[in-house]
Amino acid sequence: MPYIEKEIEKIYFTIGEVADKFDVATSLIRFWESEFSILHPKKNKKGNRQYTKADIEKLKLIYHLVKERGFTLAGAKEMIKKNPEELQSKMDAIESLKSVRQFLLDLKDQL
């Protein structure tokens, strides 16, 4: 049986990688960390932030509320505090619809 190498899945991401993923400055990520109590990235011995996938999901929620929906920071904090589960399920539905839309656009281009 041939050897199949597993894909290496990254556990921690640097603040630069996270900022690139959201196309924002690293200073904005640090600012959101100080403003939103749900963000607590791990720090290594040097003090560098190490973001997990759970941290990135929380950042995605904040990004969606502040950048995409136009909430103020106070409004975003209130929404997250009031009903985070419902908000997360709406985010998941939006992501799913975006992927379906992209699939349909790709299909249209192939025709």
PDB file of N, CA and C in Angstrom:
ATOM      1  N   MET A   1       0.840  -1.170   0.000  1.00  0.00           N
ATOM      2  CA  MET A   1       0.000   0.000   0.000  1.00  0.00           C
ATOM      3  C   MET A   1       0.891   1.242   0.000  1.00  0.00           C
ATOM      4  N   PRO A   2       0.671   2.177  -0.923  1.00  0.00           N
ATOM      5  CA  PRO A   2       1.536   3.349  -1.006  1.00  0.00           C
ATOM      6  C   PRO A   2       1.306   4.302   0.171  1.00  0.00           C
ATOM      7  N   TYR A   3       2.378   4.997   0.480  1.00  0.00           N
ATOM      8  CA  TYR A   3       2.338   5.972   1.568  1.00  0.00           C
ATOM      9  C   TYR A   3       1.653   7.248   1.093  1.00  0.00           C
ATOM     10  N   ILE A   4       0.637   7.669   1.810  1.00  0.00           N
ATOM     11  CA  ILE A   4      -0.070   8.901   1.483  1.00  0.00           C
ATOM     12  C   ILE A   4       0.208   9.899   2.596  1.00  0.00           C
ATOM     13  N   GLU A   5       0.810  10.989   2.199  1.00  0.00           N
ATOM     14  CA  GLU A   5       1.167  11.995   3.190  1.00  0.00           C
ATOM     15  C   GLU A   5      -0.061  12.829   3.540  1.00  0.00           C
ATOM     16  N   LYS A   6      -0.258  13.032   4.840  1.00  0.00           N
ATOM     17  CA  LYS A   6      -1.380  13.843   5.298  1.00  0.00           C
ATOM     18  C   LYS A   6      -1.041  15.313   5.149  1.00  0.00           C
ATOM     19  N   GLU A   7      -2.082  16.094   4.896  1.00  0.00           N
ATOM     20  CA  GLU A   7      -1.881  17.534   4.856  1.00  0.00           C
ATOM     21  C   GLU A   7      -1.637  18.034   6.263  1.00  0.00           C
ATOM     22  N   ILE A   8      -0.677  18.912   6.395  1.00  0.00           N
ATOM     23  CA  ILE A   8      -0.384  19.472   7.703  1.00  0.00           C
ATOM     24  C   ILE A   8      -1.354  20.604   7.952  1.00  0.00           C
ATOM     25  N   GLU A   9      -2.068  20.490   9.046  1.00  0.00           N
ATOM     26  CA  GLU A   9      -3.043  21.510   9.387  1.00  0.00           C
ATOM     27  C   GLU A   9      -2.438  22.427  10.440  1.00  0.00           C
ATOM     28  N   LYS A  10      -2.476  23.698  10.154  1.00  0.00           N
ATOM     29  CA  LYS A  10      -1.876  24.676  11.034  1.00  0.00           C
ATOM     30  C   LYS A  10      -2.768  24.896  12.258  1.00  0.00           C
ATOM     31  N   ILE A  11      -2.150  24.992  13.434  1.00  0.00           N
ATOM     32  CA  ILE A  11      -2.898  25.201  14.666  1.00  0.00           C
ATOM     33  C   ILE A  11      -2.939  26.682  15.034  1.00  0.00           C
ATOM     34  N   TYR A  12      -1.799  27.347  14.908  1.00  0.00           N
ATOM     35  CA  TYR A  12      -1.709  28.759  15.281  1.00  0.00           C
ATOM     36  C   TYR A  12      -1.346  29.619  14.074  1.00  0.00           C
ATOM     37  N   PHE A  13      -1.923  30.811  14.038  1.00  0.00           N
ATOM     38  CA  PHE A  13      -1.662  31.766  12.972  1.00  0.00           C
ATOM     39  C   PHE A  13      -1.138  33.057  13.583  1.00  0.00           C
ATOM     40  N   THR A  14      -0.221  33.713  12.888  1.00  0.00           N
ATOM     41  CA  THR A  14       0.316  34.980  13.379  1.00  0.00           C
ATOM     42  C   THR A  14      -0.678  36.095  13.090  1.00  0.00           C
ATOM     43  N   ILE A  15      -0.468  37.227  13.725  1.00  0.00           N
ATOM     44  CA  ILE A  15      -1.360  38.361  13.523  1.00  0.00           C
ATOM     45  C   ILE A  15      -1.268  38.863  12.076  1.00  0.00           C
ATOM     46  N   GLY A  16      -0.092  38.746  11.469  1.00  0.00           N
ATOM     47  CA  GLY A  16       0.074  39.136  10.072  1.00  0.00           C
ATOM     48  C   GLY A  16      -0.741  38.263   9.133  1.00  0.00           C
ATOM     49  N   GLU A  17      -0.747  36.960   9.390  1.00  0.00           N
ATOM     50  CA  GLU A  17      -1.529  36.041   8.559  1.00  0.00           C
ATOM     51  C   GLU A  17      -3.027  36.314   8.697  1.00  0.00           C
ATOM     52  N   VAL A  18      -3.450  36.599   9.917  1.00  0.00           N
ATOM     53  CA  VAL A  18      -4.863  36.888  10.164  1.00  0.00           C
ATOM     54  C   VAL A  18      -5.258  38.203   9.488  1.00  0.00           C
ATOM     55  N   ALA A  19      -4.399  39.210   9.601  1.00  0.00           N
ATOM     56  CA  ALA A  19      -4.678  40.503   8.977  1.00  0.00           C
ATOM     57  C   ALA A  19      -4.755  40.367   7.460  1.00  0.00           C
ATOM     58  N   ASP A  20      -3.880  39.571   6.882  1.00  0.00           N
ATOM     59  CA  ASP A  20      -3.923  39.337   5.433  1.00  0.00           C
ATOM     60  C   ASP A  20      -5.213  38.623   5.023  1.00  0.00           C
ATOM     61  N   LYS A  21      -5.655  37.694   5.851  1.00  0.00           N
ATOM     62  CA  LYS A  21      -6.888  36.948   5.555  1.00  0.00           C
ATOM     63  C   LYS A  21      -8.087  37.881   5.473  1.00  0.00           C
ATOM     64  N   PHE A  22      -8.135  38.888   6.353  1.00  0.00           N
ATOM     65  CA  PHE A  22      -9.256  39.827   6.363  1.00  0.00           C
ATOM     66  C   PHE A  22      -8.956  41.104   5.585  1.00  0.00           C
ATOM     67  N   ASP A  23      -7.760  41.217   5.055  1.00  0.00           N
ATOM     68  CA  ASP A  23      -7.335  42.389   4.299  1.00  0.00           C
ATOM     69  C   ASP A  23      -7.483  43.675   5.122  1.00  0.00           C
ATOM     70  N   VAL A  24      -6.994  43.613   6.357  1.00  0.00           N
ATOM     71  CA  VAL A  24      -6.994  44.773   7.251  1.00  0.00           C
ATOM     72  C   VAL A  24      -5.588  44.911   7.842  1.00  0.00           C
ATOM     73  N   ALA A  25      -5.343  46.028   8.510  1.00  0.00           N
ATOM     74  CA  ALA A  25      -4.047  46.252   9.152  1.00  0.00           C
ATOM     75  C   ALA A  25      -3.966  45.471  10.466  1.00  0.00           C
ATOM     76  N   THR A  26      -2.760  45.115  10.842  1.00  0.00           N
ATOM     77  CA  THR A  26      -2.570  44.397  12.105  1.00  0.00           C
ATOM     78  C   THR A  26      -2.997  45.251  13.296  1.00  0.00           C
ATOM     79  N   SER A  27      -2.854  46.562  13.156  1.00  0.00           N
ATOM     80  CA  SER A  27      -3.260  47.445  14.253  1.00  0.00           C
ATOM     81  C   SER A  27      -4.763  47.355  14.507  1.00  0.00           C
ATOM     82  N   LEU A  28      -5.556  47.125  13.448  1.00  0.00           N
ATOM     83  CA  LEU A  28      -6.998  46.983  13.623  1.00  0.00           C
ATOM     84  C   LEU A  28      -7.323  45.705  14.384  1.00  0.00           C
ATOM     85  N   ILE A  29      -6.591  44.639  14.113  1.00  0.00           N
ATOM     86  CA  ILE A  29      -6.799  43.380  14.830  1.00  0.00           C
ATOM     87  C   ILE A  29      -6.489  43.586  16.318  1.00  0.00           C
ATOM     88  N   ARG A  30      -5.375  44.255  16.608  1.00  0.00           N
ATOM     89  CA  ARG A  30      -5.013  44.525  18.009  1.00  0.00           C
ATOM     90  C   ARG A  30      -6.061  45.422  18.674  1.00  0.00           C
ATOM     91  N   PHE A  31      -6.575  46.407  17.936  1.00  0.00           N
ATOM     92  CA  PHE A  31      -7.604  47.291  18.478  1.00  0.00           C
ATOM     93  C   PHE A  31      -8.861  46.504  18.815  1.00  0.00           C
ATOM     94  N   TRP A  32      -9.303  45.645  17.893  1.00  0.00           N
ATOM     95  CA  TRP A  32     -10.491  44.841  18.151  1.00  0.00           C
ATOM     96  C   TRP A  32     -10.268  43.937  19.364  1.00  0.00           C
ATOM     97  N   GLU A  33      -9.052  43.446  19.532  1.00  0.00           N
ATOM     98  CA  GLU A  33      -8.750  42.601  20.686  1.00  0.00           C
ATOM     99  C   GLU A  33      -8.959  43.372  21.987  1.00  0.00           C
ATOM    100  N   SER A  34      -8.595  44.652  21.980  1.00  0.00           N
ATOM    101  CA  SER A  34      -8.778  45.452  23.197  1.00  0.00           C
ATOM    102  C   SER A  34     -10.240  45.855  23.399  1.00  0.00           C
ATOM    103  N   GLU A  35     -11.013  45.932  22.334  1.00  0.00           N
ATOM    104  CA  GLU A  35     -12.408  46.374  22.423  1.00  0.00           C
ATOM    105  C   GLU A  35     -13.393  45.239  22.699  1.00  0.00           C
ATOM    106  N   PHE A  36     -13.145  44.060  22.158  1.00  0.00           N
ATOM    107  CA  PHE A  36     -14.081  42.952  22.285  1.00  0.00           C
ATOM    108  C   PHE A  36     -13.546  41.918  23.262  1.00  0.00           C
ATOM    109  N   SER A  37     -14.338  41.628  24.275  1.00  0.00           N
ATOM    110  CA  SER A  37     -13.898  40.713  25.333  1.00  0.00           C
ATOM    111  C   SER A  37     -13.863  39.254  24.877  1.00  0.00           C
ATOM    112  N   ILE A  38     -14.456  38.933  23.735  1.00  0.00           N
ATOM    113  CA  ILE A  38     -14.466  37.542  23.275  1.00  0.00           C
ATOM    114  C   ILE A  38     -13.134  37.139  22.637  1.00  0.00           C
ATOM    115  N   LEU A  39     -12.284  38.105  22.319  1.00  0.00           N
ATOM    116  CA  LEU A  39     -10.993  37.811  21.688  1.00  0.00           C
ATOM    117  C   LEU A  39      -9.894  37.694  22.730  1.00  0.00           C
ATOM    118  N   HIS A  40      -9.310  36.515  22.805  1.00  0.00           N
ATOM    119  CA  HIS A  40      -8.189  36.293  23.713  1.00  0.00           C
ATOM    120  C   HIS A  40      -7.166  35.372  23.042  1.00  0.00           C
ATOM    121  N   PRO A  41      -6.389  35.890  22.092  1.00  0.00           N
ATOM    122  CA  PRO A  41      -5.399  35.005  21.457  1.00  0.00           C
ATOM    123  C   PRO A  41      -4.297  34.639  22.448  1.00  0.00           C
ATOM    124  N   LYS A  42      -3.773  33.462  22.247  1.00  0.00           N
ATOM    125  CA  LYS A  42      -2.664  32.997  23.066  1.00  0.00           C
ATOM    126  C   LYS A  42      -1.422  33.809  22.703  1.00  0.00           C
ATOM    127  N   LYS A  43      -0.558  34.039  23.671  1.00  0.00           N
ATOM    128  CA  LYS A  43       0.701  34.730  23.397  1.00  0.00           C
ATOM    129  C   LYS A  43       1.857  33.803  23.761  1.00  0.00           C
ATOM    130  N   ASN A  44       2.893  33.811  22.909  1.00  0.00           N
ATOM    131  CA  ASN A  44       4.049  32.973  23.191  1.00  0.00           C
ATOM    132  C   ASN A  44       4.984  33.691  24.164  1.00  0.00           C
ATOM    133  N   LYS A  45       6.140  33.111  24.425  1.00  0.00           N
ATOM    134  CA  LYS A  45       7.077  33.697  25.392  1.00  0.00           C
ATOM    135  C   LYS A  45       7.558  35.075  24.984  1.00  0.00           C
ATOM    136  N   LYS A  46       7.618  35.325  23.685  1.00  0.00           N
ATOM    137  CA  LYS A  46       8.039  36.639  23.186  1.00  0.00           C
ATOM    138  C   LYS A  46       6.920  37.665  23.262  1.00  0.00           C
ATOM    139  N   GLY A  47       5.693  37.207  23.459  1.00  0.00           N
ATOM    140  CA  GLY A  47       4.551  38.107  23.496  1.00  0.00           C
ATOM    141  C   GLY A  47       3.825  38.220  22.167  1.00  0.00           C
ATOM    142  N   ASN A  48       4.233  37.409  21.192  1.00  0.00           N
ATOM    143  CA  ASN A  48       3.564  37.412  19.889  1.00  0.00           C
ATOM    144  C   ASN A  48       2.214  36.704  19.993  1.00  0.00           C
ATOM    145  N   ARG A  49       1.209  37.277  19.377  1.00  0.00           N
ATOM    146  CA  ARG A  49      -0.125  36.690  19.404  1.00  0.00           C
ATOM    147  C   ARG A  49      -0.178  35.469  18.493  1.00  0.00           C
ATOM    148  N   GLN A  50      -0.853  34.435  18.982  1.00  0.00           N
ATOM    149  CA  GLN A  50      -1.043  33.213  18.213  1.00  0.00           C
ATOM    150  C   GLN A  50      -2.535  32.922  18.170  1.00  0.00           C
ATOM    151  N   TYR A  51      -3.120  33.072  16.994  1.00  0.00           N
ATOM    152  CA  TYR A  51      -4.561  32.919  16.824  1.00  0.00           C
ATOM    153  C   TYR A  51      -4.901  31.499  16.404  1.00  0.00           C
ATOM    154  N   THR A  52      -5.909  30.947  17.055  1.00  0.00           N
ATOM    155  CA  THR A  52      -6.417  29.625  16.685  1.00  0.00           C
ATOM    156  C   THR A  52      -7.561  29.807  15.691  1.00  0.00           C
ATOM    157  N   LYS A  53      -8.067  28.690  15.180  1.00  0.00           N
ATOM    158  CA  LYS A  53      -9.203  28.773  14.258  1.00  0.00           C
ATOM    159  C   LYS A  53     -10.434  29.339  14.963  1.00  0.00           C
ATOM    160  N   ALA A  54     -10.587  29.049  16.248  1.00  0.00           N
ATOM    161  CA  ALA A  54     -11.717  29.607  17.009  1.00  0.00           C
ATOM    162  C   ALA A  54     -11.592  31.123  17.116  1.00  0.00           C
ATOM    163  N   ASP A  55     -10.371  31.610  17.332  1.00  0.00           N
ATOM    164  CA  ASP A  55     -10.146  33.062  17.380  1.00  0.00           C
ATOM    165  C   ASP A  55     -10.470  33.700  16.034  1.00  0.00           C
ATOM    166  N   ILE A  56     -10.097  33.030  14.966  1.00  0.00           N
ATOM    167  CA  ILE A  56     -10.362  33.557  13.622  1.00  0.00           C
ATOM    168  C   ILE A  56     -11.859  33.596  13.349  1.00  0.00           C
ATOM    169  N   GLU A  57     -12.602  32.595  13.839  1.00  0.00           N
ATOM    170  CA  GLU A  57     -14.063  32.609  13.679  1.00  0.00           C
ATOM    171  C   GLU A  57     -14.666  33.800  14.420  1.00  0.00           C
ATOM    172  N   LYS A  58     -14.160  34.100  15.597  1.00  0.00           N
ATOM    173  CA  LYS A  58     -14.650  35.261  16.350  1.00  0.00           C
ATOM    174  C   LYS A  58     -14.317  36.553  15.609  1.00  0.00           C
ATOM    175  N   LEU A  59     -13.129  36.619  15.046  1.00  0.00           N
ATOM    176  CA  LEU A  59     -12.749  37.790  14.262  1.00  0.00           C
ATOM    177  C   LEU A  59     -13.617  37.927  13.016  1.00  0.00           C
ATOM    178  N   LYS A  60     -13.958  36.802  12.419  1.00  0.00           N
ATOM    179  CA  LYS A  60     -14.818  36.818  11.237  1.00  0.00           C
ATOM    180  C   LYS A  60     -16.186  37.406  11.594  1.00  0.00           C
ATOM    181  N   LEU A  61     -16.683  37.064  12.775  1.00  0.00           N
ATOM    182  CA  LEU A  61     -17.955  37.597  13.249  1.00  0.00           C
ATOM    183  C   LEU A  61     -17.863  39.106  13.460  1.00  0.00           C
ATOM    184  N   ILE A  62     -16.808  39.555  14.088  1.00  0.00           N
ATOM    185  CA  ILE A  62     -16.599  40.989  14.320  1.00  0.00           C
ATOM    186  C   ILE A  62     -16.441  41.710  12.990  1.00  0.00           C
ATOM    187  N   TYR A  63     -15.654  41.150  12.084  1.00  0.00           N
ATOM    188  CA  TYR A  63     -15.444  41.756  10.768  1.00  0.00           C
ATOM    189  C   TYR A  63     -16.768  41.901  10.028  1.00  0.00           C
ATOM    190  N   HIS A  64     -17.580  40.852  10.079  1.00  0.00           N
ATOM    191  CA  HIS A  64     -18.872  40.888   9.396  1.00  0.00           C
ATOM    192  C   HIS A  64     -19.748  42.006   9.941  1.00  0.00           C
ATOM    193  N   LEU A  65     -19.825  42.114  11.254  1.00  0.00           N
ATOM    194  CA  LEU A  65     -20.684  43.129  11.853  1.00  0.00           C
ATOM    195  C   LEU A  65     -20.175  44.541  11.582  1.00  0.00           C
ATOM    196  N   VAL A  66     -18.866  44.752  11.767  1.00  0.00           N
ATOM    197  CA  VAL A  66     -18.317  46.111  11.683  1.00  0.00           C
ATOM    198  C   VAL A  66     -18.082  46.538  10.237  1.00  0.00           C
ATOM    199  N   LYS A  67     -17.433  45.719   9.461  1.00  0.00           N
ATOM    200  CA  LYS A  67     -17.035  46.110   8.105  1.00  0.00           C
ATOM    201  C   LYS A  67     -18.109  45.858   7.053  1.00  0.00           C
ATOM    202  N   GLU A  68     -18.777  44.716   7.134  1.00  0.00           N
ATOM    203  CA  GLU A  68     -19.743  44.373   6.096  1.00  0.00           C
ATOM    204  C   GLU A  68     -21.139  44.927   6.385  1.00  0.00           C
ATOM    205  N   ARG A  69     -21.573  44.858   7.632  1.00  0.00           N
ATOM    206  CA  ARG A  69     -22.923  45.325   7.974  1.00  0.00           C
ATOM    207  C   ARG A  69     -22.940  46.763   8.456  1.00  0.00           C
ATOM    208  N   GLY A  70     -21.778  47.338   8.788  1.00  0.00           N
ATOM    209  CA  GLY A  70     -21.695  48.746   9.154  1.00  0.00           C
ATOM    210  C   GLY A  70     -22.091  49.076  10.577  1.00  0.00           C
ATOM    211  N   PHE A  71     -22.018  48.103  11.479  1.00  0.00           N
ATOM    212  CA  PHE A  71     -22.331  48.364  12.878  1.00  0.00           C
ATOM    213  C   PHE A  71     -21.245  49.219  13.512  1.00  0.00           C
ATOM    214  N   THR A  72     -21.625  50.005  14.509  1.00  0.00           N
ATOM    215  CA  THR A  72     -20.617  50.688  15.323  1.00  0.00           C
ATOM    216  C   THR A  72     -20.017  49.647  16.261  1.00  0.00           C
ATOM    217  N   LEU A  73     -18.919  49.992  16.914  1.00  0.00           N
ATOM    218  CA  LEU A  73     -18.312  49.044  17.847  1.00  0.00           C
ATOM    219  C   LEU A  73     -19.266  48.716  18.990  1.00  0.00           C
ATOM    220  N   ALA A  74     -19.961  49.738  19.497  1.00  0.00           N
ATOM    221  CA  ALA A  74     -20.916  49.502  20.582  1.00  0.00           C
ATOM    222  C   ALA A  74     -22.060  48.604  20.113  1.00  0.00           C
ATOM    223  N   GLY A  75     -22.542  48.827  18.898  1.00  0.00           N
ATOM    224  CA  GLY A  75     -23.615  47.997  18.351  1.00  0.00           C
ATOM    225  C   GLY A  75     -23.174  46.562  18.136  1.00  0.00           C
ATOM    226  N   ALA A  76     -21.951  46.391  17.654  1.00  0.00           N
ATOM    227  CA  ALA A  76     -21.423  45.040  17.440  1.00  0.00           C
ATOM    228  C   ALA A  76     -21.255  44.311  18.769  1.00  0.00           C
ATOM    229  N   LYS A  77     -20.758  45.012  19.781  1.00  0.00           N
ATOM    230  CA  LYS A  77     -20.603  44.402  21.111  1.00  0.00           C
ATOM    231  C   LYS A  77     -21.949  43.940  21.651  1.00  0.00           C
ATOM    232  N   GLU A  78     -22.970  44.787  21.478  1.00  0.00           N
ATOM    233  CA  GLU A  78     -24.302  44.457  21.970  1.00  0.00           C
ATOM    234  C   GLU A  78     -24.863  43.240  21.243  1.00  0.00           C
ATOM    235  N   MET A  79     -24.691  43.200  19.920  1.00  0.00           N
ATOM    236  CA  MET A  79     -25.191  42.059  19.142  1.00  0.00           C
ATOM    237  C   MET A  79     -24.505  40.761  19.573  1.00  0.00           C
ATOM    238  N   ILE A  80     -23.203  40.834  19.791  1.00  0.00           N
ATOM    239  CA  ILE A  80     -22.460  39.635  20.193  1.00  0.00           C
ATOM    240  C   ILE A  80     -22.874  39.194  21.587  1.00  0.00           C
ATOM    241  N   LYS A  81     -23.095  40.149  22.470  1.00  0.00           N
ATOM    242  CA  LYS A  81     -23.478  39.828  23.846  1.00  0.00           C
ATOM    243  C   LYS A  81     -24.897  39.271  23.913  1.00  0.00           C
ATOM    244  N   LYS A  82     -25.798  39.839  23.080  1.00  0.00           N
ATOM    245  CA  LYS A  82     -27.211  39.481  23.163  1.00  0.00           C
ATOM    246  C   LYS A  82     -27.484  38.053  22.690  1.00  0.00           C
ATOM    247  N   ASN A  83     -27.021  37.715  21.494  1.00  0.00           N
ATOM    248  CA  ASN A  83     -27.332  36.382  20.948  1.00  0.00           C
ATOM    249  C   ASN A  83     -26.216  35.901  20.024  1.00  0.00           C
ATOM    250  N   PRO A  84     -25.106  35.429  20.579  1.00  0.00           N
ATOM    251  CA  PRO A  84     -23.988  34.995  19.730  1.00  0.00           C
ATOM    252  C   PRO A  84     -24.281  33.739  18.906  1.00  0.00           C
ATOM    253  N   GLU A  85     -25.119  32.832  19.425  1.00  0.00           N
ATOM    254  CA  GLU A  85     -25.407  31.600  18.686  1.00  0.00           C
ATOM    255  C   GLU A  85     -26.211  31.901  17.421  1.00  0.00           C
ATOM    256  N   GLU A  86     -27.223  32.749  17.563  1.00  0.00           N
ATOM    257  CA  GLU A  86     -28.040  33.105  16.403  1.00  0.00           C
ATOM    258  C   GLU A  86     -27.214  33.850  15.371  1.00  0.00           C
ATOM    259  N   LEU A  87     -26.353  34.726  15.842  1.00  0.00           N
ATOM    260  CA  LEU A  87     -25.488  35.498  14.960  1.00  0.00           C
ATOM    261  C   LEU A  87     -24.535  34.579  14.193  1.00  0.00           C
ATOM    262  N   GLN A  88     -23.996  33.575  14.897  1.00  0.00           N
ATOM    263  CA  GLN A  88     -23.089  32.627  14.255  1.00  0.00           C
ATOM    264  C   GLN A  88     -23.823  31.791  13.212  1.00  0.00           C
ATOM    265  N   SER A  89     -25.054  31.394  13.497  1.00  0.00           N
ATOM    266  CA  SER A  89     -25.802  30.598  12.522  1.00  0.00           C
ATOM    267  C   SER A  89     -26.130  31.436  11.285  1.00  0.00           C
ATOM    268  N   LYS A  90     -26.418  32.724  11.469  1.00  0.00           N
ATOM    269  CA  LYS A  90     -26.647  33.601  10.322  1.00  0.00           C
ATOM    270  C   LYS A  90     -25.378  33.753   9.486  1.00  0.00           C
ATOM    271  N   MET A  91     -24.239  33.868  10.167  1.00  0.00           N
ATOM    272  CA  MET A  91     -22.955  33.972   9.465  1.00  0.00           C
ATOM    273  C   MET A  91     -22.685  32.717   8.646  1.00  0.00           C
ATOM    274  N   ASP A  92     -22.972  31.562   9.230  1.00  0.00           N
ATOM    275  CA  ASP A  92     -22.765  30.302   8.518  1.00  0.00           C
ATOM    276  C   ASP A  92     -23.656  30.223   7.277  1.00  0.00           C
ATOM    277  N   ALA A  93     -24.905  30.684   7.411  1.00  0.00           N
ATOM    278  CA  ALA A  93     -25.823  30.681   6.276  1.00  0.00           C
ATOM    279  C   ALA A  93     -25.326  31.617   5.173  1.00  0.00           C
ATOM    280  N   ILE A  94     -24.823  32.777   5.559  1.00  0.00           N
ATOM    281  CA  ILE A  94     -24.295  33.728   4.580  1.00  0.00           C
ATOM    282  C   ILE A  94     -23.092  33.137   3.849  1.00  0.00           C
ATOM    283  N   GLU A  95     -22.189  32.504   4.586  1.00  0.00           N
ATOM    284  CA  GLU A  95     -21.022  31.862   3.968  1.00  0.00           C
ATOM    285  C   GLU A  95     -21.452  30.778   2.989  1.00  0.00           C
ATOM    286  N   SER A  96     -22.443  30.000   3.377  1.00  0.00           N
ATOM    287  CA  SER A  96     -22.947  28.942   2.503  1.00  0.00           C
ATOM    288  C   SER A  96     -23.547  29.526   1.231  1.00  0.00           C
ATOM    289  N   LEU A  97     -24.321  30.579   1.366  1.00  0.00           N
ATOM    290  CA  LEU A  97     -24.926  31.214   0.192  1.00  0.00           C
ATOM    291  C   LEU A  97     -23.870  31.828  -0.719  1.00  0.00           C
ATOM    292  N   LYS A  98     -22.819  32.382  -0.135  1.00  0.00           N
ATOM    293  CA  LYS A  98     -21.732  32.939  -0.947  1.00  0.00           C
ATOM    294  C   LYS A  98     -21.044  31.847  -1.757  1.00  0.00           C
ATOM    295  N   SER A  99     -20.831  30.693  -1.141  1.00  0.00           N
ATOM    296  CA  SER A  99     -20.168  29.608  -1.866  1.00  0.00           C
ATOM    297  C   SER A  99     -21.071  29.067  -2.976  1.00  0.00           C
ATOM    298  N   VAL A 100     -22.380  28.987  -2.737  1.00  0.00           N
ATOM    299  CA  VAL A 100     -23.315  28.542  -3.777  1.00  0.00           C
ATOM    300  C   VAL A 100     -23.324  29.539  -4.928  1.00  0.00           C
ATOM    301  N   ARG A 101     -23.332  30.822  -4.590  1.00  0.00           N
ATOM    302  CA  ARG A 101     -23.318  31.866  -5.622  1.00  0.00           C
ATOM    303  C   ARG A 101     -22.056  31.765  -6.477  1.00  0.00           C
ATOM    304  N   GLN A 102     -20.917  31.567  -5.830  1.00  0.00           N
ATOM    305  CA  GLN A 102     -19.665  31.447  -6.568  1.00  0.00           C
ATOM    306  C   GLN A 102     -19.676  30.223  -7.473  1.00  0.00           C
ATOM    307  N   PHE A 103     -20.230  29.124  -6.970  1.00  0.00           N
ATOM    308  CA  PHE A 103     -20.349  27.911  -7.774  1.00  0.00           C
ATOM    309  C   PHE A 103     -21.203  28.169  -9.014  1.00  0.00           C
ATOM    310  N   LEU A 104     -22.329  28.860  -8.827  1.00  0.00           N
ATOM    311  CA  LEU A 104     -23.215  29.145  -9.957  1.00  0.00           C
ATOM    312  C   LEU A 104     -22.560  30.091 -10.962  1.00  0.00           C
ATOM    313  N   LEU A 105     -21.804  31.072 -10.473  1.00  0.00           N
ATOM    314  CA  LEU A 105     -21.087  31.973 -11.386  1.00  0.00           C
ATOM    315  C   LEU A 105     -20.038  31.225 -12.180  1.00  0.00           C
ATOM    316  N   ASP A 106     -19.322  30.316 -11.522  1.00  0.00           N
ATOM    317  CA  ASP A 106     -18.329  29.489 -12.229  1.00  0.00           C
ATOM    318  C   ASP A 106     -18.988  28.615 -13.278  1.00  0.00           C
ATOM    319  N   LEU A 107     -20.134  28.060 -12.913  1.00  0.00           N
ATOM    320  CA  LEU A 107     -20.881  27.218 -13.852  1.00  0.00           C
ATOM    321  C   LEU A 107     -21.352  28.026 -15.053  1.00  0.00           C
ATOM    322  N   LYS A 108     -21.800  29.241 -14.805  1.00  0.00           N
ATOM    323  CA  LYS A 108     -22.245  30.128 -15.887  1.00  0.00           C
ATOM    324  C   LYS A 108     -21.097  30.447 -16.832  1.00  0.00           C
ATOM    325  N   ASP A 109     -19.907  30.697 -16.286  1.00  0.00           N
ATOM    326  CA  ASP A 109     -18.739  30.997 -17.110  1.00  0.00           C
ATOM    327  C   ASP A 109     -18.333  29.804 -17.980  1.00  0.00           C
ATOM    328  N   GLN A 110     -18.570  28.598 -17.494  1.00  0.00           N
ATOM    329  CA  GLN A 110     -18.196  27.409 -18.259  1.00  0.00           C
ATOM    330  C   GLN A 110     -19.153  27.162 -19.430  1.00  0.00           C
ATOM    331  N   LEU A 111     -20.361  27.676 -19.329  1.00  0.00           N
ATOM    332  CA  LEU A 111     -21.360  27.437 -20.395  1.00  0.00           C
ATOM    333  C   LEU A 111     -21.153  28.306 -21.589  1.00  0.00           C
TER     334      LEU A 111
END
